[in-house]
């Protein structure tokens, strides 16, 4: 879906996925239950309109926090299984996960981001954190216009982690303290910025 957005064939891909989900999950007489995983829930795009009884669990909910990714002791860095397997095989740290897929959307959002997005991104690269409201109901067409959509996508994609949260005094939303997930992600972004 991200590639479709970046490469301008979003409408065609959304129509295809809508039909695929309907045939696979709703009208399939051989399927009783299914688990779908992905990094973002695409809201208001009618992709899930043919499905019933969906439970959406996002990165800011603690429901399955002990089931996914790896954390080490008192450390807050998170490493995924792909990186762990490659580290054990090669006995060397490297940005394995960061190079396992296209980072085109992230690159585009940062490259074309506003001055404030770029300044906040610099804060992250220096090891700092940002306080942001997160919108977990992403709409791809709103990514360029909504500042918090960029940070929401980076969090959902695993590039950022939540290091703390507090209630907003002005809204019913939570304010999340966000930082880069780990050294691997920092090195990937540094390479992206140099490029």
Protein backbone atom coordinates (compact mmCIF):
# COMPACT_ATOMS: atom_id res chain seq x y z
CA UNK A 1 0.00 0.00 0.00
CA UNK A 2 2.84 2.37 0.77
CA UNK A 3 4.49 1.63 -2.56
CA UNK A 4 1.17 2.25 -4.33
CA UNK A 5 0.93 5.63 -2.63
CA UNK A 6 4.51 6.62 -3.48
CA UNK A 7 4.27 5.39 -7.07
CA UNK A 8 0.82 6.92 -7.77
CA UNK A 9 -1.31 3.81 -8.30
CA UNK A 10 -3.17 4.06 -5.02
CA UNK A 11 -6.73 3.87 -6.42
CA UNK A 12 -5.99 0.72 -8.43
CA UNK A 13 -4.28 -0.97 -5.48
CA UNK A 14 -7.07 -0.01 -3.05
CA UNK A 15 -9.69 -1.51 -5.39
CA UNK A 16 -7.66 -4.71 -5.75
CA UNK A 17 -7.08 -5.06 -1.99
CA UNK A 18 -10.75 -4.38 -1.26
CA UNK A 19 -11.77 -7.26 -3.55
CA UNK A 20 -9.04 -9.53 -2.19
CA UNK A 21 -10.08 -8.93 1.42
CA UNK A 22 -13.74 -9.53 0.59
CA UNK A 23 -13.02 -12.81 -1.23
CA UNK A 24 -10.48 -14.02 1.31
CA UNK A 25 -12.00 -12.98 4.60
CA UNK A 26 -15.73 -12.37 4.14
CA UNK A 27 -17.11 -14.66 1.44
CA UNK A 28 -14.65 -17.54 1.85
CA UNK A 29 -16.67 -20.54 3.20
CA UNK A 30 -13.44 -22.37 4.17
CA UNK A 31 -12.17 -19.72 6.56
CA UNK A 32 -13.42 -19.51 10.13
CA UNK A 33 -10.90 -17.01 11.56
CA UNK A 34 -7.95 -15.02 10.34
CA UNK A 35 -5.20 -12.82 11.67
CA UNK A 36 -4.04 -9.95 9.52
CA UNK A 37 -0.89 -8.06 10.34
CA UNK A 38 0.61 -4.96 8.86
CA UNK A 39 2.19 -1.75 9.92
CA UNK A 40 -0.62 0.70 9.31
CA UNK A 41 -4.36 0.65 9.39
CA UNK A 42 -5.53 2.51 6.33
CA UNK A 43 -8.55 4.48 7.51
CA UNK A 44 -11.38 5.95 5.51
CA UNK A 45 -10.18 4.26 2.33
CA UNK A 46 -13.02 1.66 2.23
CA UNK A 47 -10.49 -1.17 2.08
CA UNK A 48 -11.96 -2.86 5.15
CA UNK A 49 -15.60 -1.98 4.46
CA UNK A 50 -16.43 -5.54 3.38
CA UNK A 51 -15.11 -7.05 6.61
CA UNK A 52 -16.85 -7.52 9.93
CA UNK A 53 -15.66 -7.90 13.51
CA UNK A 54 -12.17 -6.48 13.09
CA UNK A 55 -10.13 -5.80 16.18
CA UNK A 56 -7.36 -3.34 15.53
CA UNK A 57 -4.38 -3.41 17.88
CA UNK A 58 -1.91 -0.60 17.29
CA UNK A 59 1.60 0.05 18.54
CA UNK A 60 0.46 2.30 21.37
CA UNK A 61 -1.81 -0.34 22.89
CA UNK A 62 -0.18 -2.72 25.34
CA UNK A 63 -2.33 -5.74 24.51
CA UNK A 64 0.38 -7.82 22.82
CA UNK A 65 3.50 -5.98 23.91
CA UNK A 66 5.05 -9.15 25.31
CA UNK A 67 4.51 -11.08 22.06
CA UNK A 68 6.21 -9.02 19.35
CA UNK A 69 9.76 -7.74 18.81
CA UNK A 70 12.58 -8.17 21.30
CA UNK A 71 13.63 -5.98 24.16
CA UNK A 72 16.69 -6.65 26.29
CA UNK A 73 16.61 -6.35 30.06
CA UNK A 74 16.27 -2.78 31.24
CA UNK A 75 17.14 -1.45 27.78
CA UNK A 76 14.48 0.38 25.79
CA UNK A 77 15.92 -0.45 22.37
CA UNK A 78 13.73 -2.74 20.31
CA UNK A 79 15.16 -5.14 17.75
CA UNK A 80 13.16 -7.28 15.38
CA UNK A 81 13.69 -11.00 14.72
CA UNK A 82 15.21 -10.36 11.28
CA UNK A 83 18.05 -8.34 12.78
CA UNK A 84 18.60 -10.78 15.63
CA UNK A 85 18.87 -13.74 13.25
CA UNK A 86 21.37 -11.91 11.04
CA UNK A 87 23.40 -10.79 14.05
CA UNK A 88 23.60 -14.36 15.35
CA UNK A 89 24.56 -15.64 11.89
CA UNK A 90 27.18 -12.99 11.09
CA UNK A 91 28.17 -12.04 14.69
CA UNK A 92 28.24 -8.43 13.57
CA UNK A 93 25.81 -5.56 14.08
CA UNK A 94 24.48 -3.90 10.98
CA UNK A 95 21.32 -2.22 9.71
CA UNK A 96 19.83 -5.53 8.51
CA UNK A 97 16.15 -4.74 9.01
CA UNK A 98 16.40 -1.22 7.64
CA UNK A 99 17.58 -2.56 4.30
CA UNK A 100 15.04 -5.39 4.04
CA UNK A 101 12.30 -3.32 2.42
CA UNK A 102 11.68 -0.13 0.53
CA UNK A 103 11.95 3.01 2.61
CA UNK A 104 10.56 5.10 -0.24
CA UNK A 105 7.59 6.53 1.64
CA UNK A 106 9.63 7.47 4.70
CA UNK A 107 12.29 9.00 2.47
CA UNK A 108 9.65 10.99 0.54
CA UNK A 109 7.93 12.29 3.68
CA UNK A 110 11.18 13.46 5.23
CA UNK A 111 12.64 14.83 2.00
CA UNK A 112 9.47 16.78 1.16
CA UNK A 113 8.56 17.60 4.77
CA UNK A 114 8.12 21.08 6.13
CA UNK A 115 10.91 22.96 7.87
CA UNK A 116 9.43 22.05 11.27
CA UNK A 117 9.34 18.33 10.35
CA UNK A 118 12.99 18.52 9.30
CA UNK A 119 14.01 20.32 12.50
CA UNK A 120 12.17 17.77 14.62
CA UNK A 121 13.81 14.99 12.64
CA UNK A 122 17.21 16.51 13.42
CA UNK A 123 16.29 16.38 17.12
CA UNK A 124 15.67 12.63 16.76
CA UNK A 125 18.97 12.09 14.95
CA UNK A 126 20.78 13.84 17.81
CA UNK A 127 19.29 11.32 20.24
CA UNK A 128 16.47 13.54 21.45
CA UNK A 129 12.76 12.86 21.62
CA UNK A 130 9.60 14.59 20.43
CA UNK A 131 6.25 14.99 22.13
CA UNK A 132 3.40 14.39 19.68
CA UNK A 133 -0.22 13.42 19.47
CA UNK A 134 -0.42 10.26 17.38
CA UNK A 135 -3.13 9.62 14.80
CA UNK A 136 -3.46 5.86 14.40
CA UNK A 137 -6.21 6.26 11.79
CA UNK A 138 -3.84 7.16 8.95
CA UNK A 139 -5.18 8.37 5.64
CA UNK A 140 -2.51 8.30 2.96
CA UNK A 141 -3.87 11.32 1.12
CA UNK A 142 -3.44 13.38 4.32
CA UNK A 143 0.23 12.49 4.87
CA UNK A 144 1.67 15.60 3.18
CA UNK A 145 -0.70 18.00 4.96
CA UNK A 146 -0.80 16.61 8.50
CA UNK A 147 2.38 16.95 10.52
CA UNK A 148 1.38 14.34 13.06
CA UNK A 149 0.67 11.84 10.25
CA UNK A 150 4.40 11.66 9.47
CA UNK A 151 5.27 10.77 13.08
CA UNK A 152 2.29 8.40 13.31
CA UNK A 153 3.49 6.53 10.23
CA UNK A 154 7.06 6.35 11.52
CA UNK A 155 5.80 4.96 14.84
CA UNK A 156 3.52 2.40 13.18
CA UNK A 157 6.35 1.36 10.85
CA UNK A 158 8.77 0.67 13.70
CA UNK A 159 11.12 3.58 13.05
CA UNK A 160 10.06 5.31 16.28
CA UNK A 161 9.27 4.01 19.76
CA UNK A 162 7.19 5.46 22.57
CA UNK A 163 9.38 6.35 25.55
CA UNK A 164 6.61 7.90 27.62
CA UNK A 165 3.14 9.36 27.45
CA UNK A 166 0.90 11.82 29.23
CA UNK A 167 -2.62 13.13 28.91
CA UNK A 168 -3.07 16.28 26.85
CA UNK A 169 -4.46 19.15 28.94
CA UNK A 170 -6.35 20.49 25.90
CA UNK A 171 -7.79 17.38 24.24
CA UNK A 172 -8.79 13.81 25.04
CA UNK A 173 -5.66 12.58 23.24
CA UNK A 174 -2.44 11.30 24.73
CA UNK A 175 0.84 13.02 24.08
CA UNK A 176 3.54 10.46 23.26
CA UNK A 177 7.26 10.98 23.74
CA UNK A 178 8.87 9.51 20.61
CA UNK A 179 12.47 8.55 19.90
CA UNK A 180 14.29 6.57 17.25
CA UNK A 181 13.84 2.86 17.88
CA UNK A 182 17.50 1.84 18.00
CA UNK A 183 20.96 2.41 16.54
CA UNK A 184 20.07 0.46 13.40
CA UNK A 185 17.27 2.92 12.57
CA UNK A 186 19.48 5.90 13.40
CA UNK A 187 22.16 4.66 10.99
CA UNK A 188 19.56 4.11 8.26
CA UNK A 189 18.23 7.66 8.65
CA UNK A 190 21.72 9.14 8.72
CA UNK A 191 22.45 7.34 5.45
CA UNK A 192 19.16 8.61 4.01
CA UNK A 193 20.00 12.21 4.97
CA UNK A 194 23.51 11.95 3.48
CA UNK A 195 21.94 10.62 0.27
